Amino acid sequence: MNPRQSVLVVDEATETRALVEITLGRMRLHTQSARTLQEARGRLARERFDLCLTDLQLPDGSGLELLRHIRQSHPNLPVALLSNGACAQASAGALQAGACQLLHKPLDLKQLRAWVGASLKQATDCATDDPARQLLGDSAPMNALRRHIDKLAHSLAAVYISGESGSGKERVARLLHQLGPRARYPFVPVNCGAIPSELMESELFGHCKGSFSGAVSDQPGLFLAAHGGTLFLDEVADLPLAMQVKLLRALQGKTVRPVGSQQEKTVDVRILCATHKDLKNEVEAGRFRQDLYYRLNVIELRVPALRERRGDIPALAGYVLQRLARDSGQPAVQLRPEALQALERYDFPGNVRELENLLERAQTLCEGRWIETDDLQLPSADSSDARSSAAATQLDLALHLQQVERQLLLQALEETRWNRTAAARRLSLSFRSMRYRMKKLGLD
């Protein structure tokens, strides 16, 4: 470690400050201390620090106020909050405000040294290589996204990454991991929609040898594979309801029980999740548990669609064409100005993924070293009209089905004298789903 690295310790208790300063001094770190919120702000204004440790309760304010001040003025400074058992609610708020770590009093010095060491190493790595530049584009939405990633990477809070298919949600998740204190531990992505429901519990939590047919050896599961690091649950809205209950239990207890085992195993993972669906609508429709939604959606991070940042298309297209040339070993082709303008006018329902596929096809079809507008094979006005006609037909069908659904609900409600529970039972619906449908159809 660099002896010039400096840590700010903020705590009213003299004995706590002394204990932390002695511990960090043995790690060859320089420390500065403050006992009040005002004193800490003054030191931050005058000096540069690599880390900050602050108590939640200060004589003239709270550690949360200091944390918010740091996130505004020094967004990349790692912060650990020191708390006692009486501060459980404040501790939960600290995660949302951007705390990197919660350390409980009396301090576990081994845990303190481990966090300090990991945070300083991560800060050094990030100073030499900025992974956030992997997000191409300098549009206002992308610059805002980078700022949010920088802030959230140092937090322990669960992040729900929303956005359309192909917009780059997994890349954002990887950056949150790479820029955070868990970067030296595994990043484990899981596509929840690609795992058969009967194998999902075994894949996530592991299984013991002989627990079911084909279980020829013990398998740890993806939670344990991500221990210490980050578990990214992609397309989390596709989880079956039965699996959502088990996932919620694992997140609340921070333990998993492998299939066939009687023993629970402790796991330490940061949870990131994503889906192209609207989770709020899924909750209202009864397809996603509300308690799990609140557990996963501590902070929402939205990835903009490509049509919202059309100014980034030239840089993205140039990067993709250079990469394709590198992979094929052929000279790079270029877009004619007219072809680039056509791309900038296109709405890209498949976002960046569609752009990549479209350019790979155009590179194969083009003659010479220039991609013409025709090589892009963008949907024509005729096909757009056909899509509009099909959409109108689907809308007519949707209205008809809505009328049929309304009639069935009214019939069941009238037969049960508007007893919603009895009507839901008669229609084989959950009460939550019944309530959602009544509200959607204006029957509440």
Protein backbone atom coordinates (compact mmCIF):
# COMPACT_ATOMS: atom_id res chain seq x y z
CA MET A 1 0.00 0.00 0.00
CA ASN A 2 1.05 3.56 -0.65
CA PRO A 3 2.05 5.27 2.66
CA ARG A 4 0.63 8.54 1.34
CA GLN A 5 -2.88 7.10 1.23
CA SER A 6 -5.01 8.92 3.77
CA VAL A 7 -8.14 7.99 5.73
CA LEU A 8 -10.60 10.33 7.44
CA VAL A 9 -12.04 8.93 10.70
CA VAL A 10 -15.15 10.68 12.03
CA ASP A 11 -16.44 9.68 15.47
CA GLU A 12 -17.32 11.51 18.67
CA ALA A 13 -15.86 8.73 20.85
CA THR A 14 -12.15 9.25 21.51
CA GLU A 15 -11.56 5.53 22.15
CA THR A 16 -13.12 4.54 18.78
CA ARG A 17 -11.01 7.08 16.88
CA ALA A 18 -7.88 5.90 18.69
CA LEU A 19 -8.62 2.22 17.95
CA VAL A 20 -9.17 2.88 14.23
CA GLU A 21 -6.12 5.14 13.94
CA ILE A 22 -3.85 2.56 15.62
CA THR A 23 -5.20 -0.22 13.39
CA LEU A 24 -4.76 1.79 10.18
CA GLY A 25 -1.39 3.10 11.31
CA ARG A 26 -0.16 -0.50 11.44
CA MET A 27 -1.28 -0.77 7.81
CA ARG A 28 1.05 2.16 6.99
CA LEU A 29 -1.85 4.53 6.33
CA HIS A 30 -2.04 8.19 7.28
CA THR A 31 -5.16 9.12 9.29
CA GLN A 32 -6.93 12.37 10.09
CA SER A 33 -9.75 12.46 12.65
CA ALA A 34 -12.81 14.61 13.27
CA ARG A 35 -15.42 14.40 16.01
CA THR A 36 -18.25 16.45 14.44
CA LEU A 37 -20.03 16.80 11.10
CA GLN A 38 -18.82 20.38 10.66
CA GLU A 39 -15.21 19.44 11.41
CA ALA A 40 -15.36 16.56 8.91
CA ARG A 41 -16.71 18.82 6.16
CA GLY A 42 -13.90 21.26 6.80
CA ARG A 43 -11.22 18.58 6.50
CA LEU A 44 -12.79 17.26 3.28
CA ALA A 45 -12.72 20.76 1.81
CA ARG A 46 -9.03 21.26 2.66
CA GLU A 47 -7.48 17.83 2.13
CA ARG A 48 -7.69 14.81 -0.15
CA PHE A 49 -8.66 11.43 1.32
CA ASP A 50 -8.69 7.91 -0.10
CA LEU A 51 -11.23 6.52 2.40
CA CYS A 52 -13.67 7.77 5.03
CA LEU A 53 -15.04 5.99 8.11
CA THR A 54 -17.80 7.78 9.97
CA ASP A 55 -20.11 7.02 12.87
CA LEU A 56 -23.84 7.24 12.14
CA GLN A 57 -24.48 9.44 15.17
CA LEU A 58 -22.51 12.69 15.44
CA PRO A 59 -22.94 15.52 17.95
CA ASP A 60 -24.15 18.05 15.36
CA GLY A 61 -25.83 15.77 12.83
CA SER A 62 -25.59 12.28 11.43
CA GLY A 63 -23.21 10.21 9.36
CA LEU A 64 -25.90 10.07 6.66
CA GLU A 65 -25.64 13.83 6.21
CA LEU A 66 -21.88 13.50 5.81
CA LEU A 67 -22.37 10.60 3.39
CA ARG A 68 -24.71 12.66 1.19
CA HIS A 69 -22.23 15.55 1.27
CA ILE A 70 -19.43 13.19 0.16
CA ARG A 71 -21.51 11.69 -2.64
CA GLN A 72 -22.15 15.19 -4.02
CA SER A 73 -18.64 16.59 -3.60
CA HIS A 74 -16.46 13.44 -3.77
CA PRO A 75 -18.59 10.81 -5.56
CA ASN A 76 -15.78 8.21 -5.85
CA LEU A 77 -14.64 8.31 -2.21
CA PRO A 78 -15.38 4.94 -0.49
CA VAL A 79 -17.28 5.43 2.79
CA ALA A 80 -17.90 2.97 5.64
CA LEU A 81 -20.44 3.75 8.33
CA LEU A 82 -19.96 2.62 11.91
CA SER A 83 -23.22 1.69 13.60
CA ASN A 84 -24.61 -0.11 16.62
CA GLY A 85 -27.66 -2.36 16.90
CA ALA A 86 -29.96 0.56 17.68
CA CYS A 87 -29.33 2.09 14.23
CA ALA A 88 -30.85 -0.66 12.05
CA GLN A 89 -33.23 1.67 10.18
CA ALA A 90 -30.51 4.26 9.61
CA SER A 91 -28.22 1.49 8.37
CA ALA A 92 -30.77 0.52 5.72
CA GLY A 93 -30.99 4.17 4.64
CA ALA A 94 -27.21 4.34 4.44
CA LEU A 95 -27.17 1.70 1.69
CA GLN A 96 -29.55 3.75 -0.40
CA ALA A 97 -27.48 6.90 0.20
CA GLY A 98 -24.38 5.21 -1.24
CA ALA A 99 -22.49 3.65 1.67
CA CYS A 100 -19.85 1.13 0.64
CA GLN A 101 -19.80 -0.83 3.90
CA LEU A 102 -21.52 -1.06 7.28
CA LEU A 103 -19.24 -1.90 10.20
CA HIS A 104 -20.93 -2.71 13.50
CA LYS A 105 -19.65 -1.68 16.91
CA PRO A 106 -17.75 -3.03 18.73
CA LEU A 107 -15.51 -3.09 15.66
CA ASP A 108 -14.24 -6.38 14.24
CA LEU A 109 -10.67 -5.32 13.42
CA LYS A 110 -10.16 -8.19 10.99
CA GLN A 111 -13.24 -7.09 9.02
CA LEU A 112 -12.08 -3.46 9.18
CA ARG A 113 -8.62 -4.28 7.79
CA ALA A 114 -10.11 -6.47 5.05
CA TRP A 115 -12.48 -3.73 3.86
CA VAL A 116 -9.82 -1.01 3.97
CA GLY A 117 -7.34 -3.17 2.05
CA ALA A 118 -9.88 -4.17 -0.62
CA SER A 119 -11.17 -0.60 -1.06
CA LEU A 120 -7.70 0.92 -1.45
CA LYS A 121 -6.67 -1.76 -3.94
CA GLN A 122 -9.84 -1.17 -5.96
CA ALA A 123 -9.27 2.59 -5.95
CA THR A 124 -5.73 2.06 -7.28
CA ASP A 125 -6.95 -0.27 -10.03
CA CYS A 126 -9.67 2.17 -11.09
CA ALA A 127 -7.18 5.04 -11.26
CA THR A 128 -5.15 3.22 -13.92
CA ASP A 129 -8.06 1.79 -15.91
CA ASP A 130 -11.52 3.30 -16.11
CA PRO A 131 -13.97 0.55 -17.12
CA ALA A 132 -16.80 3.07 -17.41
CA ARG A 133 -15.31 4.15 -20.73
CA GLN A 134 -16.49 0.78 -22.05
CA LEU A 135 -19.85 2.53 -22.36
CA LEU A 136 -19.47 4.24 -25.72
CA GLY A 137 -21.12 7.57 -26.41
CA ASP A 138 -20.99 11.10 -25.05
CA SER A 139 -24.69 11.93 -25.18
CA ALA A 140 -26.37 13.45 -22.13
CA PRO A 141 -28.18 10.17 -21.22
CA MET A 142 -24.92 8.20 -21.33
CA ASN A 143 -23.00 10.75 -19.28
CA ALA A 144 -25.79 10.65 -16.68
CA LEU A 145 -25.65 6.85 -16.69
CA ARG A 146 -21.88 6.92 -16.06
CA ARG A 147 -22.34 9.27 -13.12
CA HIS A 148 -24.94 6.96 -11.60
CA ILE A 149 -22.71 3.92 -12.11
CA ASP A 150 -19.79 5.67 -10.39
CA LYS A 151 -22.01 6.47 -7.43
CA LEU A 152 -23.75 3.11 -7.10
CA ALA A 153 -20.64 0.96 -7.66
CA HIS A 154 -19.41 1.70 -4.13
CA SER A 155 -22.75 0.93 -2.50
CA LEU A 156 -23.85 -2.40 -1.02
CA ALA A 157 -27.48 -1.83 -1.99
CA ALA A 158 -29.29 -4.09 -4.45
CA VAL A 159 -29.73 -2.41 -7.85
CA TYR A 160 -32.53 -3.09 -10.33
CA ILE A 161 -31.28 -2.31 -13.86
CA SER A 162 -34.21 -1.54 -16.13
CA GLY A 163 -34.18 -1.04 -19.87
CA GLU A 164 -35.24 -2.49 -23.20
CA SER A 165 -33.79 -5.68 -24.67
CA GLY A 166 -30.40 -5.12 -26.25
CA SER A 167 -29.73 -1.81 -24.49
CA GLY A 168 -26.70 -3.11 -22.53
CA LYS A 169 -28.03 -4.01 -19.08
CA GLU A 170 -25.49 -6.78 -18.46
CA ARG A 171 -22.61 -4.47 -19.43
CA VAL A 172 -23.86 -1.95 -16.88
CA ALA A 173 -24.03 -4.71 -14.25
CA ARG A 174 -20.43 -5.74 -14.99
CA LEU A 175 -19.28 -2.14 -14.62
CA LEU A 176 -21.03 -1.81 -11.27
CA HIS A 177 -19.08 -4.87 -10.17
CA GLN A 178 -15.72 -3.85 -11.67
CA LEU A 179 -15.82 -0.37 -10.17
CA GLY A 180 -16.88 -1.56 -6.72
CA PRO A 181 -15.05 -3.04 -3.72
CA ARG A 182 -15.99 -6.59 -4.79
CA ALA A 183 -14.16 -6.44 -8.13
CA ARG A 184 -11.51 -9.01 -7.12
CA TYR A 185 -14.27 -11.54 -6.40
CA PRO A 186 -16.46 -13.34 -8.97
CA PHE A 187 -19.13 -11.74 -11.12
CA VAL A 188 -21.71 -14.47 -11.85
CA PRO A 189 -24.45 -13.70 -14.42
CA VAL A 190 -27.60 -15.84 -14.42
CA ASN A 191 -30.26 -15.77 -17.16
CA CYS A 192 -33.36 -16.66 -15.14
CA GLY A 193 -35.40 -17.20 -18.30
CA ALA A 194 -32.99 -19.81 -19.70
CA ILE A 195 -33.02 -22.24 -16.74
CA PRO A 196 -35.78 -24.90 -16.71
CA SER A 197 -38.01 -24.38 -13.67
CA GLU A 198 -37.34 -27.89 -12.34
CA LEU A 199 -33.58 -27.24 -12.31
CA MET A 200 -33.64 -23.66 -11.05
CA GLU A 201 -33.32 -24.41 -7.32
CA SER A 202 -30.38 -26.72 -7.94
CA GLU A 203 -28.67 -24.18 -10.24
CA LEU A 204 -29.00 -21.32 -7.79
CA PHE A 205 -28.51 -23.05 -4.45
CA GLY A 206 -26.59 -26.21 -5.43
CA HIS A 207 -27.34 -29.85 -4.62
CA CYS A 208 -25.90 -32.85 -2.81
CA LYS A 209 -24.82 -36.07 -4.47
CA GLY A 210 -27.76 -38.46 -4.87
CA SER A 211 -30.40 -35.82 -4.06
CA PHE A 212 -32.13 -36.51 -7.40
CA SER A 213 -31.62 -38.58 -10.52
CA GLY A 214 -28.47 -37.38 -12.28
CA ALA A 215 -26.93 -35.74 -9.20
CA VAL A 216 -23.67 -37.72 -9.39
CA SER A 217 -21.65 -35.26 -7.29
CA ASP A 218 -22.05 -32.28 -4.97
CA GLN A 219 -22.54 -28.97 -6.79
CA PRO A 220 -22.17 -25.63 -4.96
CA GLY A 221 -24.67 -23.60 -7.02
CA LEU A 222 -24.39 -20.08 -8.41
CA PHE A 223 -24.94 -18.27 -5.10
CA LEU A 224 -21.89 -19.94 -3.57
CA ALA A 225 -19.95 -19.48 -6.81
CA ALA A 226 -20.48 -15.72 -6.42
CA HIS A 227 -19.52 -15.69 -2.71
CA GLY A 228 -17.79 -12.40 -1.88
CA GLY A 229 -18.68 -10.97 -5.29
CA THR A 230 -21.76 -10.13 -7.34
CA LEU A 231 -24.69 -12.25 -8.52
CA PHE A 232 -26.46 -10.76 -11.55
CA LEU A 233 -30.01 -12.07 -12.03
CA ASP A 234 -30.88 -11.25 -15.63
CA GLU A 235 -34.54 -11.45 -16.75
CA VAL A 236 -35.53 -11.84 -13.10
CA ALA A 237 -39.21 -11.32 -14.01
CA ASP A 238 -39.18 -14.82 -15.57
CA LEU A 239 -38.65 -16.52 -12.19
CA PRO A 240 -41.59 -18.83 -11.28
CA LEU A 241 -43.53 -17.72 -8.20
CA ALA A 242 -42.42 -20.78 -6.21
CA MET A 243 -38.78 -19.90 -6.89
CA GLN A 244 -39.38 -16.28 -5.95
CA VAL A 245 -40.29 -17.40 -2.41
CA LYS A 246 -37.05 -19.36 -2.06
CA LEU A 247 -34.98 -16.52 -3.50
CA LEU A 248 -36.55 -14.07 -1.04
CA ARG A 249 -35.68 -16.36 1.86
CA ALA A 250 -32.07 -16.64 0.67
CA LEU A 251 -31.74 -12.86 0.35
CA GLN A 252 -33.28 -12.16 3.75
CA GLY A 253 -31.29 -14.79 5.63
CA LYS A 254 -28.11 -14.53 3.54
CA THR A 255 -28.05 -18.32 3.51
CA VAL A 256 -28.75 -21.05 0.96
CA ARG A 257 -29.73 -24.66 1.45
CA PRO A 258 -28.53 -27.01 -1.33
CA VAL A 259 -31.10 -29.50 -2.60
CA GLY A 260 -30.87 -32.66 -0.51
CA SER A 261 -29.06 -30.98 2.39
CA GLN A 262 -30.33 -30.24 5.90
CA GLN A 263 -27.66 -27.60 6.51
CA GLU A 264 -27.80 -23.98 5.42
CA LYS A 265 -24.66 -22.27 4.12
CA THR A 266 -23.90 -18.59 4.66
CA VAL A 267 -23.31 -16.55 1.51
CA ASP A 268 -22.13 -12.98 1.01
CA VAL A 269 -23.14 -11.66 -2.40
CA ARG A 270 -24.26 -8.34 -3.83
CA ILE A 271 -27.42 -8.73 -5.87
CA LEU A 272 -27.94 -6.95 -9.18
CA CYS A 273 -30.97 -7.78 -11.31
CA ALA A 274 -32.40 -6.76 -14.66
CA THR A 275 -35.38 -7.37 -16.91
CA HIS A 276 -36.85 -5.83 -20.03
CA LYS A 277 -40.32 -6.11 -18.45
CA ASP A 278 -41.87 -3.53 -16.13
CA LEU A 279 -41.52 -5.15 -12.70
CA LYS A 280 -44.13 -2.83 -11.20
CA ASN A 281 -46.71 -4.06 -13.73
CA GLU A 282 -45.65 -7.65 -13.05
CA VAL A 283 -46.31 -7.10 -9.33
CA GLU A 284 -49.75 -5.58 -10.00
CA ALA A 285 -50.62 -8.51 -12.28
CA GLY A 286 -49.71 -10.97 -9.52
CA ARG A 287 -46.83 -12.50 -11.47
CA PHE A 288 -44.08 -11.13 -9.23
CA ARG A 289 -44.00 -11.01 -5.45
CA GLN A 290 -44.23 -7.54 -3.99
CA ASP A 291 -41.91 -8.34 -1.06
CA LEU A 292 -39.24 -9.64 -3.45
CA TYR A 293 -39.69 -6.57 -5.66
CA TYR A 294 -38.88 -4.26 -2.74
CA ARG A 295 -35.92 -6.44 -1.74
CA LEU A 296 -34.42 -6.26 -5.26
CA ASN A 297 -35.44 -2.72 -6.18
CA VAL A 298 -33.62 -0.75 -3.47
CA ILE A 299 -32.26 1.50 -6.23
CA GLU A 300 -33.38 1.54 -9.88
CA LEU A 301 -30.88 2.32 -12.64
CA ARG A 302 -32.38 2.87 -16.08
CA VAL A 303 -30.36 2.18 -19.23
CA PRO A 304 -31.50 4.48 -22.09
CA ALA A 305 -32.73 3.06 -25.37
CA LEU A 306 -30.62 3.71 -28.47
CA ARG A 307 -33.29 5.97 -30.02
CA GLU A 308 -32.91 8.23 -26.95
CA ARG A 309 -29.23 8.82 -27.78
CA ARG A 310 -29.07 8.95 -31.56
CA GLY A 311 -25.96 11.14 -31.39
CA ASP A 312 -24.02 8.10 -30.16
CA ILE A 313 -24.81 6.01 -33.24
CA PRO A 314 -21.75 7.16 -35.32
CA ALA A 315 -19.33 6.25 -32.49
CA LEU A 316 -21.08 2.92 -31.84
CA ALA A 317 -21.18 2.03 -35.54
CA GLY A 318 -17.48 2.88 -35.98
CA TYR A 319 -16.53 0.76 -32.99
CA VAL A 320 -18.59 -2.23 -34.20
CA LEU A 321 -17.14 -2.07 -37.73
CA GLN A 322 -13.58 -1.90 -36.37
CA ARG A 323 -14.25 -4.90 -34.13
CA LEU A 324 -15.76 -6.91 -37.01
CA ALA A 325 -12.69 -6.13 -39.14
CA ARG A 326 -10.40 -7.27 -36.33
CA ASP A 327 -12.31 -10.52 -35.89
CA SER A 328 -12.38 -11.31 -39.61
CA GLY A 329 -8.83 -10.18 -40.40
CA GLN A 330 -10.17 -8.01 -43.24
CA PRO A 331 -9.80 -4.23 -43.80
CA ALA A 332 -12.50 -2.22 -42.05
CA VAL A 333 -15.45 -1.04 -44.15
CA GLN A 334 -17.06 2.36 -43.67
CA LEU A 335 -20.56 3.77 -43.84
CA ARG A 336 -21.52 6.16 -46.62
CA PRO A 337 -22.87 9.44 -45.17
CA GLU A 338 -26.34 8.56 -46.52
CA ALA A 339 -26.21 5.15 -44.81
CA LEU A 340 -25.19 6.72 -41.50
CA GLN A 341 -28.07 9.20 -41.77
CA ALA A 342 -30.45 6.30 -42.38
CA LEU A 343 -29.19 4.62 -39.20
CA GLU A 344 -29.68 7.82 -37.23
CA ARG A 345 -33.31 8.04 -38.42
CA TYR A 346 -34.09 4.42 -37.52
CA ASP A 347 -35.78 3.68 -34.16
CA PHE A 348 -33.83 0.47 -33.33
CA PRO A 349 -36.41 -1.59 -31.40
CA GLY A 350 -33.56 -4.05 -30.67
CA ASN A 351 -31.20 -1.27 -29.54
CA VAL A 352 -27.40 -1.79 -29.60
CA ARG A 353 -27.73 -5.53 -30.17
CA GLU A 354 -29.79 -4.86 -33.30
CA LEU A 355 -27.22 -2.31 -34.51
CA GLU A 356 -24.44 -4.89 -34.14
CA ASN A 357 -26.38 -7.56 -36.06
CA LEU A 358 -27.40 -5.10 -38.74
CA LEU A 359 -23.82 -3.92 -39.35
CA GLU A 360 -22.45 -7.48 -39.42
CA ARG A 361 -24.95 -8.33 -42.15
CA ALA A 362 -24.20 -5.14 -44.06
CA GLN A 363 -20.45 -5.79 -43.92
CA THR A 364 -21.03 -9.19 -45.52
CA LEU A 365 -23.33 -7.87 -48.25
CA CYS A 366 -21.53 -4.67 -49.25
CA GLU A 367 -19.35 -4.37 -52.34
CA GLY A 368 -15.89 -2.94 -51.74
CA ARG A 369 -15.09 -0.90 -48.64
CA TRP A 370 -18.26 1.17 -48.37
CA ILE A 371 -21.63 0.25 -46.86
CA GLU A 372 -24.47 1.75 -48.89
CA THR A 373 -27.97 2.44 -47.59
CA ASP A 374 -29.35 -0.59 -49.45
CA ASP A 375 -26.79 -2.87 -47.73
CA LEU A 376 -28.37 -2.03 -44.38
CA GLN A 377 -31.73 -3.53 -45.45
CA LEU A 378 -33.62 -1.28 -43.05
CA PRO A 379 -37.40 -1.79 -42.93
CA SER A 380 -39.10 0.17 -45.72
CA ALA A 381 -42.11 2.42 -45.41
CA ASP A 382 -44.27 -0.41 -46.82
CA SER A 383 -43.17 -2.82 -44.13
CA SER A 384 -43.73 -0.07 -41.55
CA ASP A 385 -47.29 0.32 -42.84
CA ALA A 386 -47.73 -3.45 -42.66
CA ARG A 387 -46.51 -3.40 -39.07
CA SER A 388 -48.92 -0.57 -38.26
CA SER A 389 -51.79 -2.56 -39.81
CA ALA A 390 -50.82 -5.64 -37.83
CA ALA A 391 -50.59 -3.55 -34.69
CA ALA A 392 -54.09 -2.19 -35.35
CA THR A 393 -55.41 -5.74 -35.78
CA GLN A 394 -53.74 -6.75 -32.50
CA LEU A 395 -55.30 -3.71 -30.83
CA ASP A 396 -58.77 -4.70 -32.06
CA LEU A 397 -58.22 -8.21 -30.73
CA ALA A 398 -56.96 -6.87 -27.41
CA LEU A 399 -60.07 -4.68 -27.03
CA HIS A 400 -62.31 -7.64 -27.82
CA LEU A 401 -60.53 -9.84 -25.27
CA GLN A 402 -60.77 -7.05 -22.71
CA GLN A 403 -64.53 -6.88 -23.24
CA VAL A 404 -64.82 -10.66 -22.83
CA GLU A 405 -62.72 -10.52 -19.64
CA ARG A 406 -64.86 -7.69 -18.27
CA GLN A 407 -68.04 -9.68 -18.94
CA LEU A 408 -66.66 -12.79 -17.19
CA LEU A 409 -65.59 -10.76 -14.16
CA LEU A 410 -68.97 -9.01 -13.92
CA GLN A 411 -70.78 -12.34 -14.18
CA ALA A 412 -68.68 -13.90 -11.40
CA LEU A 413 -69.07 -10.82 -9.17
CA GLU A 414 -72.85 -10.71 -9.62
CA GLU A 415 -73.18 -14.44 -8.89
CA THR A 416 -71.20 -13.99 -5.66
CA ARG A 417 -72.94 -10.70 -4.72
CA TRP A 418 -69.68 -8.82 -5.34
CA ASN A 419 -67.67 -10.93 -2.93
CA ARG A 420 -64.26 -10.50 -4.60
CA THR A 421 -62.66 -13.42 -2.74
CA ALA A 422 -65.43 -15.82 -3.80
CA ALA A 423 -65.39 -14.44 -7.36
CA ALA A 424 -61.62 -14.90 -7.60
CA ARG A 425 -61.97 -18.49 -6.38
CA ARG A 426 -64.68 -19.16 -8.97
CA LEU A 427 -62.41 -17.82 -11.76
CA SER A 428 -59.32 -19.67 -10.41
CA LEU A 429 -57.51 -16.36 -9.84
CA SER A 430 -55.45 -15.17 -6.91
CA PHE A 431 -57.05 -12.35 -4.92
CA ARG A 432 -54.23 -9.99 -5.95
CA SER A 433 -54.73 -10.83 -9.62
CA MET A 434 -58.48 -10.36 -9.25
CA ARG A 435 -57.99 -6.95 -7.67
CA TYR A 436 -55.55 -5.92 -10.43
CA ARG A 437 -57.95 -6.97 -13.20
CA MET A 438 -60.89 -5.17 -11.59
CA LYS A 439 -58.84 -2.00 -11.32
CA LYS A 440 -57.62 -2.31 -14.93
CA LEU A 441 -61.19 -2.74 -16.20
CA GLY A 442 -62.68 -0.01 -14.02
CA LEU A 443 -64.71 -2.37 -11.84
CA ASP A 444 -63.25 -1.38 -8.44
